[in-house]
PDB file of N, CA and C in Angstrom:
ATOM      1  N   GLN A   1      11.820  -5.873 -18.718  1.00  0.00           N
ATOM      2  CA  GLN A   1      10.461  -6.240 -18.348  1.00  0.00           C
ATOM      3  C   GLN A   1      10.103  -5.568 -17.020  1.00  0.00           C
ATOM      4  N   VAL A   2       8.933  -4.948 -16.990  1.00  0.00           N
ATOM      5  CA  VAL A   2       8.487  -4.257 -15.789  1.00  0.00           C
ATOM      6  C   VAL A   2       7.971  -5.275 -14.782  1.00  0.00           C
ATOM      7  N   ARG A   3       8.421  -5.121 -13.552  1.00  0.00           N
ATOM      8  CA  ARG A   3       8.011  -6.041 -12.499  1.00  0.00           C
ATOM      9  C   ARG A   3       7.609  -5.255 -11.271  1.00  0.00           C
ATOM     10  N   LEU A   4       6.451  -5.607 -10.701  1.00  0.00           N
ATOM     11  CA  LEU A   4       5.932  -4.968  -9.497  1.00  0.00           C
ATOM     12  C   LEU A   4       5.914  -5.988  -8.381  1.00  0.00           C
ATOM     13  N   VAL A   5       6.472  -5.638  -7.251  1.00  0.00           N
ATOM     14  CA  VAL A   5       6.490  -6.552  -6.112  1.00  0.00           C
ATOM     15  C   VAL A   5       5.970  -5.822  -4.884  1.00  0.00           C
ATOM     16  N   GLU A   6       4.950  -6.399  -4.263  1.00  0.00           N
ATOM     17  CA  GLU A   6       4.428  -5.894  -2.990  1.00  0.00           C
ATOM     18  C   GLU A   6       4.821  -6.884  -1.904  1.00  0.00           C
ATOM     19  N   SER A   7       5.166  -6.362  -0.739  1.00  0.00           N
ATOM     20  CA  SER A   7       5.566  -7.243   0.354  1.00  0.00           C
ATOM     21  C   SER A   7       5.266  -6.582   1.688  1.00  0.00           C
ATOM     22  N   GLY A   8       5.407  -7.359   2.748  1.00  0.00           N
ATOM     23  CA  GLY A   8       5.264  -6.810   4.091  1.00  0.00           C
ATOM     24  C   GLY A   8       3.986  -7.176   4.800  1.00  0.00           C
ATOM     25  N   GLY A   9       3.075  -7.833   4.114  1.00  0.00           N
ATOM     26  CA  GLY A   9       1.836  -8.225   4.761  1.00  0.00           C
ATOM     27  C   GLY A   9       2.075  -9.309   5.794  1.00  0.00           C
ATOM     28  N   GLY A  10       1.030  -9.595   6.554  1.00  0.00           N
ATOM     29  CA  GLY A  10       1.150 -10.646   7.551  1.00  0.00           C
ATOM     30  C   GLY A  10      -0.029 -10.657   8.491  1.00  0.00           C
ATOM     31  N   LEU A  11       0.158 -11.396   9.582  1.00  0.00           N
ATOM     32  CA  LEU A  11      -0.871 -11.546  10.600  1.00  0.00           C
ATOM     33  C   LEU A  11      -0.450 -10.734  11.820  1.00  0.00           C
ATOM     34  N   VAL A  12      -1.337  -9.886  12.305  1.00  0.00           N
ATOM     35  CA  VAL A  12      -0.999  -9.034  13.444  1.00  0.00           C
ATOM     36  C   VAL A  12      -2.242  -8.857  14.316  1.00  0.00           C
ATOM     37  N   GLN A  13      -2.021  -8.628  15.590  1.00  0.00           N
ATOM     38  CA  GLN A  13      -3.136  -8.373  16.499  1.00  0.00           C
ATOM     39  C   GLN A  13      -3.595  -6.927  16.373  1.00  0.00           C
ATOM     40  N   ALA A  14      -4.829  -6.697  16.722  1.00  0.00           N
ATOM     41  CA  ALA A  14      -5.363  -5.338  16.718  1.00  0.00           C
ATOM     42  C   ALA A  14      -4.474  -4.431  17.566  1.00  0.00           C
ATOM     43  N   GLY A  15      -4.220  -3.247  17.036  1.00  0.00           N
ATOM     44  CA  GLY A  15      -3.329  -2.310  17.704  1.00  0.00           C
ATOM     45  C   GLY A  15      -1.891  -2.398  17.232  1.00  0.00           C
ATOM     46  N   GLY A  16      -1.591  -3.429  16.487  1.00  0.00           N
ATOM     47  CA  GLY A  16      -0.240  -3.623  15.995  1.00  0.00           C
ATOM     48  C   GLY A  16       0.051  -2.824  14.741  1.00  0.00           C
ATOM     49  N   SER A  17       1.250  -3.053  14.199  1.00  0.00           N
ATOM     50  CA  SER A  17       1.707  -2.303  13.031  1.00  0.00           C
ATOM     51  C   SER A  17       2.280  -3.236  11.975  1.00  0.00           C
ATOM     52  N   LEU A  18       2.187  -2.799  10.755  1.00  0.00           N
ATOM     53  CA  LEU A  18       2.842  -3.463   9.628  1.00  0.00           C
ATOM     54  C   LEU A  18       3.336  -2.383   8.670  1.00  0.00           C
ATOM     55  N   ARG A  19       4.382  -2.720   7.947  1.00  0.00           N
ATOM     56  CA  ARG A  19       4.909  -1.807   6.945  1.00  0.00           C
ATOM     57  C   ARG A  19       4.933  -2.536   5.609  1.00  0.00           C
ATOM     58  N   LEU A  20       4.135  -2.064   4.682  1.00  0.00           N
ATOM     59  CA  LEU A  20       4.094  -2.647   3.357  1.00  0.00           C
ATOM     60  C   LEU A  20       5.094  -1.938   2.450  1.00  0.00           C
ATOM     61  N   SER A  21       5.675  -2.703   1.543  1.00  0.00           N
ATOM     62  CA  SER A  21       6.619  -2.145   0.587  1.00  0.00           C
ATOM     63  C   SER A  21       6.166  -2.450  -0.821  1.00  0.00           C
ATOM     64  N   CYS A  22       6.514  -1.572  -1.727  1.00  0.00           N
ATOM     65  CA  CYS A  22       6.182  -1.732  -3.140  1.00  0.00           C
ATOM     66  C   CYS A  22       7.398  -1.318  -3.940  1.00  0.00           C
ATOM     67  N   ALA A  23       7.763  -2.142  -4.910  1.00  0.00           N
ATOM     68  CA  ALA A  23       8.925  -1.827  -5.736  1.00  0.00           C
ATOM     69  C   ALA A  23       8.632  -2.168  -7.184  1.00  0.00           C
ATOM     70  N   VAL A  24       8.978  -1.252  -8.057  1.00  0.00           N
ATOM     71  CA  VAL A  24       8.846  -1.479  -9.497  1.00  0.00           C
ATOM     72  C   VAL A  24      10.247  -1.507 -10.094  1.00  0.00           C
ATOM     73  N   SER A  25      10.542  -2.568 -10.802  1.00  0.00           N
ATOM     74  CA  SER A  25      11.822  -2.667 -11.497  1.00  0.00           C
ATOM     75  C   SER A  25      11.577  -2.738 -12.990  1.00  0.00           C
ATOM     76  N   GLY A  26      12.610  -2.417 -13.774  1.00  0.00           N
ATOM     77  CA  GLY A  26      12.485  -2.484 -15.219  1.00  0.00           C
ATOM     78  C   GLY A  26      11.737  -1.319 -15.845  1.00  0.00           C
ATOM     79  N   PHE A  27      11.502  -0.266 -15.061  1.00  0.00           N
ATOM     80  CA  PHE A  27      10.793   0.921 -15.561  1.00  0.00           C
ATOM     81  C   PHE A  27      11.802   2.059 -15.548  1.00  0.00           C
ATOM     82  N   SER A  28      12.147   2.568 -16.721  1.00  0.00           N
ATOM     83  CA  SER A  28      13.262   3.502 -16.807  1.00  0.00           C
ATOM     84  C   SER A  28      12.957   4.862 -16.189  1.00  0.00           C
ATOM     85  N   SER A  29      11.712   5.300 -16.282  1.00  0.00           N
ATOM     86  CA  SER A  29      11.362   6.623 -15.773  1.00  0.00           C
ATOM     87  C   SER A  29      10.981   6.546 -14.300  1.00  0.00           C
ATOM     88  N   ARG A  30      11.115   7.691 -13.634  1.00  0.00           N
ATOM     89  CA  ARG A  30      10.624   7.771 -12.254  1.00  0.00           C
ATOM     90  C   ARG A  30       9.105   7.876 -12.293  1.00  0.00           C
ATOM     91  N   ILE A  31       8.457   7.145 -11.408  1.00  0.00           N
ATOM     92  CA  ILE A  31       6.997   7.172 -11.297  1.00  0.00           C
ATOM     93  C   ILE A  31       6.629   8.145 -10.191  1.00  0.00           C
ATOM     94  N   TYR A  32       5.759   9.085 -10.538  1.00  0.00           N
ATOM     95  CA  TYR A  32       5.459  10.163  -9.588  1.00  0.00           C
ATOM     96  C   TYR A  32       4.125  10.012  -8.884  1.00  0.00           C
ATOM     97  N   TYR A  33       3.318   9.054  -9.288  1.00  0.00           N
ATOM     98  CA  TYR A  33       1.982   8.922  -8.707  1.00  0.00           C
ATOM     99  C   TYR A  33       1.710   7.456  -8.460  1.00  0.00           C
ATOM    100  N   ILE A  34       1.414   7.124  -7.204  1.00  0.00           N
ATOM    101  CA  ILE A  34       1.000   5.758  -6.922  1.00  0.00           C
ATOM    102  C   ILE A  34      -0.122   5.754  -5.892  1.00  0.00           C
ATOM    103  N   ASP A  35      -0.893   4.712  -5.945  1.00  0.00           N
ATOM    104  CA  ASP A  35      -1.973   4.484  -4.997  1.00  0.00           C
ATOM    105  C   ASP A  35      -1.754   3.151  -4.287  1.00  0.00           C
ATOM    106  N   TRP A  36      -2.262   3.078  -3.068  1.00  0.00           N
ATOM    107  CA  TRP A  36      -2.423   1.794  -2.401  1.00  0.00           C
ATOM    108  C   TRP A  36      -3.923   1.530  -2.302  1.00  0.00           C
ATOM    109  N   TYR A  37      -4.324   0.344  -2.719  1.00  0.00           N
ATOM    110  CA  TYR A  37      -5.709  -0.088  -2.623  1.00  0.00           C
ATOM    111  C   TYR A  37      -5.778  -1.291  -1.680  1.00  0.00           C
ATOM    112  N   ARG A  38      -6.979  -1.611  -1.278  1.00  0.00           N
ATOM    113  CA  ARG A  38      -7.195  -2.853  -0.550  1.00  0.00           C
ATOM    114  C   ARG A  38      -8.543  -3.445  -0.949  1.00  0.00           C
ATOM    115  N   GLN A  39      -8.618  -4.756  -0.807  1.00  0.00           N
ATOM    116  CA  GLN A  39      -9.861  -5.441  -1.100  1.00  0.00           C
ATOM    117  C   GLN A  39     -10.087  -6.510  -0.043  1.00  0.00           C
ATOM    118  N   ALA A  40     -11.168  -6.335   0.704  1.00  0.00           N
ATOM    119  CA  ALA A  40     -11.551  -7.311   1.713  1.00  0.00           C
ATOM    120  C   ALA A  40     -12.480  -8.335   1.077  1.00  0.00           C
ATOM    121  N   PRO A  41     -12.569  -9.524   1.659  1.00  0.00           N
ATOM    122  CA  PRO A  41     -13.445 -10.569   1.098  1.00  0.00           C
ATOM    123  C   PRO A  41     -14.880 -10.071   0.949  1.00  0.00           C
ATOM    124  N   GLY A  42     -15.433 -10.260  -0.243  1.00  0.00           N
ATOM    125  CA  GLY A  42     -16.808  -9.881  -0.495  1.00  0.00           C
ATOM    126  C   GLY A  42     -17.043  -8.404  -0.688  1.00  0.00           C
ATOM    127  N   LYS A  43     -15.981  -7.636  -0.707  1.00  0.00           N
ATOM    128  CA  LYS A  43     -16.121  -6.186  -0.864  1.00  0.00           C
ATOM    129  C   LYS A  43     -15.392  -5.703  -2.105  1.00  0.00           C
ATOM    130  N   GLU A  44     -15.750  -4.507  -2.539  1.00  0.00           N
ATOM    131  CA  GLU A  44     -15.063  -3.915  -3.680  1.00  0.00           C
ATOM    132  C   GLU A  44     -13.688  -3.374  -3.260  1.00  0.00           C
ATOM    133  N   ARG A  45     -12.818  -3.294  -4.247  1.00  0.00           N
ATOM    134  CA  ARG A  45     -11.509  -2.714  -3.988  1.00  0.00           C
ATOM    135  C   ARG A  45     -11.677  -1.226  -3.678  1.00  0.00           C
ATOM    136  N   GLU A  46     -10.973  -0.751  -2.650  1.00  0.00           N
ATOM    137  CA  GLU A  46     -11.081   0.656  -2.277  1.00  0.00           C
ATOM    138  C   GLU A  46      -9.710   1.308  -2.199  1.00  0.00           C
ATOM    139  N   LEU A  47      -9.698   2.593  -2.527  1.00  0.00           N
ATOM    140  CA  LEU A  47      -8.469   3.373  -2.492  1.00  0.00           C
ATOM    141  C   LEU A  47      -8.157   3.753  -1.049  1.00  0.00           C
ATOM    142  N   VAL A  48      -6.947   3.430  -0.612  1.00  0.00           N
ATOM    143  CA  VAL A  48      -6.540   3.665   0.773  1.00  0.00           C
ATOM    144  C   VAL A  48      -5.677   4.915   0.893  1.00  0.00           C
ATOM    145  N   ALA A  49      -4.709   5.051   0.001  1.00  0.00           N
ATOM    146  CA  ALA A  49      -3.785   6.180   0.095  1.00  0.00           C
ATOM    147  C   ALA A  49      -3.157   6.449  -1.259  1.00  0.00           C
ATOM    148  N   SER A  50      -2.763   7.705  -1.465  1.00  0.00           N
ATOM    149  CA  SER A  50      -2.106   8.106  -2.701  1.00  0.00           C
ATOM    150  C   SER A  50      -0.935   9.010  -2.372  1.00  0.00           C
ATOM    151  N   ILE A  51       0.055   9.004  -3.240  1.00  0.00           N
ATOM    152  CA  ILE A  51       1.170   9.945  -3.113  1.00  0.00           C
ATOM    153  C   ILE A  51       1.535  10.463  -4.495  1.00  0.00           C
ATOM    154  N   ILE A  52       1.725  11.781  -4.591  1.00  0.00           N
ATOM    155  CA  ILE A  52       2.040  12.431  -5.850  1.00  0.00           C
ATOM    156  C   ILE A  52       3.330  13.218  -5.666  1.00  0.00           C
ATOM    157  N   ASN A  53       4.236  13.038  -6.603  1.00  0.00           N
ATOM    158  CA  ASN A  53       5.505  13.784  -6.582  1.00  0.00           C
ATOM    159  C   ASN A  53       6.262  13.632  -5.263  1.00  0.00           C
ATOM    160  N   GLY A  54       6.052  12.555  -4.595  1.00  0.00           N
ATOM    161  CA  GLY A  54       6.825  12.261  -3.405  1.00  0.00           C
ATOM    162  C   GLY A  54       6.407  12.968  -2.144  1.00  0.00           C
ATOM    163  N   ASP A  55       5.461  13.911  -2.246  1.00  0.00           N
ATOM    164  CA  ASP A  55       5.122  14.627  -1.028  1.00  0.00           C
ATOM    165  C   ASP A  55       3.642  14.925  -0.844  1.00  0.00           C
ATOM    166  N   ARG A  56       2.866  14.985  -1.901  1.00  0.00           N
ATOM    167  CA  ARG A  56       1.433  15.229  -1.753  1.00  0.00           C
ATOM    168  C   ARG A  56       0.739  13.905  -1.480  1.00  0.00           C
ATOM    169  N   THR A  57       0.049  13.823  -0.358  1.00  0.00           N
ATOM    170  CA  THR A  57      -0.583  12.578   0.027  1.00  0.00           C
ATOM    171  C   THR A  57      -2.073  12.764   0.280  1.00  0.00           C
ATOM    172  N   ASP A  58      -2.792  11.665   0.163  1.00  0.00           N
ATOM    173  CA  ASP A  58      -4.220  11.675   0.430  1.00  0.00           C
ATOM    174  C   ASP A  58      -4.587  10.311   0.996  1.00  0.00           C
ATOM    175  N   TYR A  59      -5.592  10.291   1.892  1.00  0.00           N
ATOM    176  CA  TYR A  59      -5.925   9.058   2.593  1.00  0.00           C
ATOM    177  C   TYR A  59      -7.430   8.850   2.668  1.00  0.00           C
ATOM    178  N   LEU A  60      -7.812   7.586   2.703  1.00  0.00           N
ATOM    179  CA  LEU A  60      -9.171   7.199   3.038  1.00  0.00           C
ATOM    180  C   LEU A  60      -9.438   7.695   4.464  1.00  0.00           C
ATOM    181  N   ASP A  61     -10.630   8.230   4.700  1.00  0.00           N
ATOM    182  CA  ASP A  61     -10.922   8.806   6.011  1.00  0.00           C
ATOM    183  C   ASP A  61     -10.651   7.825   7.157  1.00  0.00           C
ATOM    184  N   SER A  62     -10.998   6.578   6.943  1.00  0.00           N
ATOM    185  CA  SER A  62     -10.899   5.603   8.031  1.00  0.00           C
ATOM    186  C   SER A  62      -9.463   5.248   8.405  1.00  0.00           C
ATOM    187  N   VAL A  63      -8.493   5.635   7.584  1.00  0.00           N
ATOM    188  CA  VAL A  63      -7.098   5.321   7.912  1.00  0.00           C
ATOM    189  C   VAL A  63      -6.277   6.563   8.236  1.00  0.00           C
ATOM    190  N   LYS A  64      -6.878   7.734   8.119  1.00  0.00           N
ATOM    191  CA  LYS A  64      -6.145   8.970   8.417  1.00  0.00           C
ATOM    192  C   LYS A  64      -5.647   8.952   9.852  1.00  0.00           C
ATOM    193  N   GLY A  65      -4.395   9.351  10.025  1.00  0.00           N
ATOM    194  CA  GLY A  65      -3.786   9.354  11.347  1.00  0.00           C
ATOM    195  C   GLY A  65      -3.200   8.018  11.754  1.00  0.00           C
ATOM    196  N   ARG A  66      -3.498   6.973  11.006  1.00  0.00           N
ATOM    197  CA  ARG A  66      -2.960   5.641  11.319  1.00  0.00           C
ATOM    198  C   ARG A  66      -2.004   5.134  10.244  1.00  0.00           C
ATOM    199  N   PHE A  67      -2.285   5.459   8.998  1.00  0.00           N
ATOM    200  CA  PHE A  67      -1.468   5.000   7.877  1.00  0.00           C
ATOM    201  C   PHE A  67      -0.651   6.162   7.322  1.00  0.00           C
ATOM    202  N   THR A  68       0.547   5.844   6.845  1.00  0.00           N
ATOM    203  CA  THR A  68       1.396   6.847   6.215  1.00  0.00           C
ATOM    204  C   THR A  68       2.001   6.274   4.942  1.00  0.00           C
ATOM    205  N   ILE A  69       1.755   6.953   3.831  1.00  0.00           N
ATOM    206  CA  ILE A  69       2.343   6.545   2.551  1.00  0.00           C
ATOM    207  C   ILE A  69       3.581   7.400   2.309  1.00  0.00           C
ATOM    208  N   ALA A  70       4.614   6.780   1.772  1.00  0.00           N
ATOM    209  CA  ALA A  70       5.846   7.525   1.545  1.00  0.00           C
ATOM    210  C   ALA A  70       6.609   6.924   0.376  1.00  0.00           C
ATOM    211  N   SER A  71       7.458   7.743  -0.210  1.00  0.00           N
ATOM    212  CA  SER A  71       8.375   7.250  -1.238  1.00  0.00           C
ATOM    213  C   SER A  71       9.577   6.633  -0.551  1.00  0.00           C
ATOM    214  N   GLY A  72      10.118   5.595  -1.190  1.00  0.00           N
ATOM    215  CA  GLY A  72      11.279   4.945  -0.623  1.00  0.00           C
ATOM    216  C   GLY A  72      12.563   5.692  -0.935  1.00  0.00           C
ATOM    217  N   SER A  73      13.653   5.170  -0.431  1.00  0.00           N
ATOM    218  CA  SER A  73      14.943   5.831  -0.616  1.00  0.00           C
ATOM    219  C   SER A  73      15.528   5.587  -2.001  1.00  0.00           C
ATOM    220  N   THR A  74      15.037   4.601  -2.706  1.00  0.00           N
ATOM    221  CA  THR A  74      15.502   4.341  -4.071  1.00  0.00           C
ATOM    222  C   THR A  74      14.362   4.574  -5.061  1.00  0.00           C
ATOM    223  N   LYS A  75      14.734   4.772  -6.307  1.00  0.00           N
ATOM    224  CA  LYS A  75      13.757   5.107  -7.328  1.00  0.00           C
ATOM    225  C   LYS A  75      12.691   4.031  -7.456  1.00  0.00           C
ATOM    226  N   ASN A  76      11.439   4.495  -7.548  1.00  0.00           N
ATOM    227  CA  ASN A  76      10.300   3.604  -7.791  1.00  0.00           C
ATOM    228  C   ASN A  76      10.117   2.559  -6.691  1.00  0.00           C
ATOM    229  N   THR A  77      10.292   3.025  -5.462  1.00  0.00           N
ATOM    230  CA  THR A  77       9.927   2.216  -4.295  1.00  0.00           C
ATOM    231  C   THR A  77       9.082   3.076  -3.367  1.00  0.00           C
ATOM    232  N   TRP A  78       8.168   2.441  -2.663  1.00  0.00           N
ATOM    233  CA  TRP A  78       7.256   3.155  -1.765  1.00  0.00           C
ATOM    234  C   TRP A  78       6.910   2.260  -0.570  1.00  0.00           C
ATOM    235  N   THR A  79       6.421   2.892   0.459  1.00  0.00           N
ATOM    236  CA  THR A  79       5.991   2.152   1.629  1.00  0.00           C
ATOM    237  C   THR A  79       4.616   2.638   2.089  1.00  0.00           C
ATOM    238  N   LEU A  80       3.948   1.771   2.813  1.00  0.00           N
ATOM    239  CA  LEU A  80       2.711   2.131   3.501  1.00  0.00           C
ATOM    240  C   LEU A  80       2.861   1.649   4.945  1.00  0.00           C
ATOM    241  N   GLN A  81       3.103   2.598   5.833  1.00  0.00           N
ATOM    242  CA  GLN A  81       3.218   2.279   7.250  1.00  0.00           C
ATOM    243  C   GLN A  81       1.821   2.270   7.846  1.00  0.00           C
ATOM    244  N   MET A  82       1.471   1.159   8.483  1.00  0.00           N
ATOM    245  CA  MET A  82       0.128   1.002   9.038  1.00  0.00           C
ATOM    246  C   MET A  82       0.237   0.767  10.541  1.00  0.00           C
ATOM    247  N   ASN A  83      -0.257   1.708  11.308  1.00  0.00           N
ATOM    248  CA  ASN A  83      -0.229   1.619  12.763  1.00  0.00           C
ATOM    249  C   ASN A  83      -1.649   1.497  13.314  1.00  0.00           C
ATOM    250  N   SER A  84      -1.734   1.102  14.570  1.00  0.00           N
ATOM    251  CA  SER A  84      -3.033   0.972  15.241  1.00  0.00           C
ATOM    252  C   SER A  84      -4.026   0.196  14.387  1.00  0.00           C
ATOM    253  N   LEU A  85      -3.575  -0.923  13.884  1.00  0.00           N
ATOM    254  CA  LEU A  85      -4.405  -1.705  12.972  1.00  0.00           C
ATOM    255  C   LEU A  85      -5.645  -2.239  13.656  1.00  0.00           C
ATOM    256  N   LYS A  86      -6.708  -2.334  12.860  1.00  0.00           N
ATOM    257  CA  LYS A  86      -8.000  -2.809  13.333  1.00  0.00           C
ATOM    258  C   LYS A  86      -8.414  -4.023  12.514  1.00  0.00           C
ATOM    259  N   PRO A  87      -9.275  -4.869  13.061  1.00  0.00           N
ATOM    260  CA  PRO A  87      -9.739  -6.026  12.286  1.00  0.00           C
ATOM    261  C   PRO A  87     -10.348  -5.631  10.937  1.00  0.00           C
ATOM    262  N   GLU A  88     -10.972  -4.478  10.877  1.00  0.00           N
ATOM    263  CA  GLU A  88     -11.572  -4.040   9.606  1.00  0.00           C
ATOM    264  C   GLU A  88     -10.544  -3.615   8.568  1.00  0.00           C
ATOM    265  N   ASP A  89      -9.284  -3.575   8.941  1.00  0.00           N
ATOM    266  CA  ASP A  89      -8.212  -3.309   7.971  1.00  0.00           C
ATOM    267  C   ASP A  89      -7.794  -4.584   7.239  1.00  0.00           C
ATOM    268  N   THR A  90      -8.326  -5.710   7.646  1.00  0.00           N
ATOM    269  CA  THR A  90      -7.995  -6.979   7.006  1.00  0.00           C
ATOM    270  C   THR A  90      -8.396  -6.959   5.543  1.00  0.00           C
ATOM    271  N   ALA A  91      -7.441  -7.237   4.666  1.00  0.00           N
ATOM    272  CA  ALA A  91      -7.682  -7.185   3.226  1.00  0.00           C
ATOM    273  C   ALA A  91      -6.404  -7.581   2.495  1.00  0.00           C
ATOM    274  N   VAL A  92      -6.531  -7.752   1.202  1.00  0.00           N
ATOM    275  CA  VAL A  92      -5.353  -7.831   0.344  1.00  0.00           C
ATOM    276  C   VAL A  92      -5.035  -6.403  -0.094  1.00  0.00           C
ATOM    277  N   TYR A  93      -3.804  -6.004   0.105  1.00  0.00           N
ATOM    278  CA  TYR A  93      -3.364  -4.653  -0.221  1.00  0.00           C
ATOM    279  C   TYR A  93      -2.571  -4.668  -1.521  1.00  0.00           C
ATOM    280  N   TYR A  94      -2.890  -3.703  -2.375  1.00  0.00           N
ATOM    281  CA  TYR A  94      -2.266  -3.611  -3.686  1.00  0.00           C
ATOM    282  C   TYR A  94      -1.632  -2.232  -3.855  1.00  0.00           C
ATOM    283  N   CYS A  95      -0.447  -2.246  -4.405  1.00  0.00           N
ATOM    284  CA  CYS A  95       0.218  -1.029  -4.813  1.00  0.00           C
ATOM    285  C   CYS A  95      -0.090  -0.816  -6.295  1.00  0.00           C
ATOM    286  N   LYS A  96      -0.455   0.411  -6.690  1.00  0.00           N
ATOM    287  CA  LYS A  96      -0.803   0.649  -8.089  1.00  0.00           C
ATOM    288  C   LYS A  96      -0.134   1.923  -8.578  1.00  0.00           C
ATOM    289  N   PRO A  97       1.075   1.781  -9.104  1.00  0.00           N
ATOM    290  CA  PRO A  97       1.715   2.942  -9.715  1.00  0.00           C
ATOM    291  C   PRO A  97       1.086   3.219 -11.075  1.00  0.00           C
ATOM    292  N   THR A  98       1.168   4.467 -11.519  1.00  0.00           N
ATOM    293  CA  THR A  98       0.647   4.778 -12.847  1.00  0.00           C
ATOM    294  C   THR A  98       1.460   4.025 -13.909  1.00  0.00           C
ATOM    295  N   ARG A  99       0.776   3.603 -14.946  1.00  0.00           N
ATOM    296  CA  ARG A  99       1.375   2.941 -16.102  1.00  0.00           C
ATOM    297  C   ARG A  99       1.970   1.573 -15.787  1.00  0.00           C
ATOM    298  N   VAL A 100       1.637   1.022 -14.645  1.00  0.00           N
ATOM    299  CA  VAL A 100       2.116  -0.311 -14.282  1.00  0.00           C
ATOM    300  C   VAL A 100       0.902  -1.183 -13.956  1.00  0.00           C
ATOM    301  N   ALA A 101       0.937  -2.412 -14.434  1.00  0.00           N
ATOM    302  CA  ALA A 101      -0.194  -3.312 -14.211  1.00  0.00           C
ATOM    303  C   ALA A 101      -0.307  -3.716 -12.742  1.00  0.00           C
ATOM    304  N   TRP A 102      -1.478  -4.159 -12.366  1.00  0.00           N
ATOM    305  CA  TRP A 102      -1.719  -4.618 -11.002  1.00  0.00           C
ATOM    306  C   TRP A 102      -0.811  -5.798 -10.665  1.00  0.00           C
ATOM    307  N   GLY A 103      -0.385  -5.834  -9.404  1.00  0.00           N
ATOM    308  CA  GLY A 103       0.394  -6.966  -8.923  1.00  0.00           C
ATOM    309  C   GLY A 103      -0.493  -7.953  -8.198  1.00  0.00           C
ATOM    310  N   GLN A 104       0.149  -8.881  -7.475  1.00  0.00           N
ATOM    311  CA  GLN A 104      -0.573  -9.932  -6.768  1.00  0.00           C
ATOM    312  C   GLN A 104      -1.155  -9.446  -5.450  1.00  0.00           C
ATOM    313  N   GLY A 105      -0.605  -8.372  -4.920  1.00  0.00           N
ATOM    314  CA  GLY A 105      -1.065  -7.886  -3.632  1.00  0.00           C
ATOM    315  C   GLY A 105      -0.390  -8.621  -2.485  1.00  0.00           C
ATOM    316  N   THR A 106      -0.613  -8.101  -1.280  1.00  0.00           N
ATOM    317  CA  THR A 106      -0.066  -8.728  -0.086  1.00  0.00           C
ATOM    318  C   THR A 106      -1.162  -8.768   0.976  1.00  0.00           C
ATOM    319  N   GLN A 107      -1.318  -9.926   1.599  1.00  0.00           N
ATOM    320  CA  GLN A 107      -2.414 -10.136   2.539  1.00  0.00           C
ATOM    321  C   GLN A 107      -2.084  -9.526   3.902  1.00  0.00           C
ATOM    322  N   VAL A 108      -3.027  -8.755   4.433  1.00  0.00           N
ATOM    323  CA  VAL A 108      -2.931  -8.227   5.791  1.00  0.00           C
ATOM    324  C   VAL A 108      -4.117  -8.766   6.571  1.00  0.00           C
ATOM    325  N   THR A 109      -3.833  -9.432   7.671  1.00  0.00           N
ATOM    326  CA  THR A 109      -4.869  -9.975   8.519  1.00  0.00           C
ATOM    327  C   THR A 109      -4.687  -9.450   9.933  1.00  0.00           C
ATOM    328  N   VAL A 110      -5.731  -8.805  10.452  1.00  0.00           N
ATOM    329  CA  VAL A 110      -5.679  -8.228  11.792  1.00  0.00           C
ATOM    330  C   VAL A 110      -6.682  -8.956  12.665  1.00  0.00           C
ATOM    331  N   THR A 111      -6.199  -9.561  13.729  1.00  0.00           N
ATOM    332  CA  THR A 111      -7.064 -10.315  14.634  1.00  0.00           C
ATOM    333  C   THR A 111      -7.439  -9.465  15.847  1.00  0.00           C
ATOM    334  N   SER A 112      -8.613  -9.745  16.371  1.00  0.00           N
ATOM    335  CA  SER A 112      -9.085  -8.976  17.535  1.00  0.00           C
ATOM    336  C   SER A 112      -8.648  -9.605  18.842  1.00  0.00           C
TER     337      SER A 112
END
């Protein structure tokens, strides 16, 4: 059974950092494309970062230079390092690998 787990969210002050993790188990093949999305209260879900083949990355303009998406050291794991966090980064963050259903997400709250 395929299982997706996102973790690492929390409460942090503006300027702080968090590292989100995403892991897919029960999927026999290596996943080469994943996205991180976020959804703030009352807003639509937006694409934050993508990684393809472990090295090609793309970012939402507002997070460029602050967030880094990377593949983990084990198969089908990834991270999203978030630095210099701002209150407007507050949202539920979702990892979305190809061919895997949405997970529960992890809450990130940034206080001013």
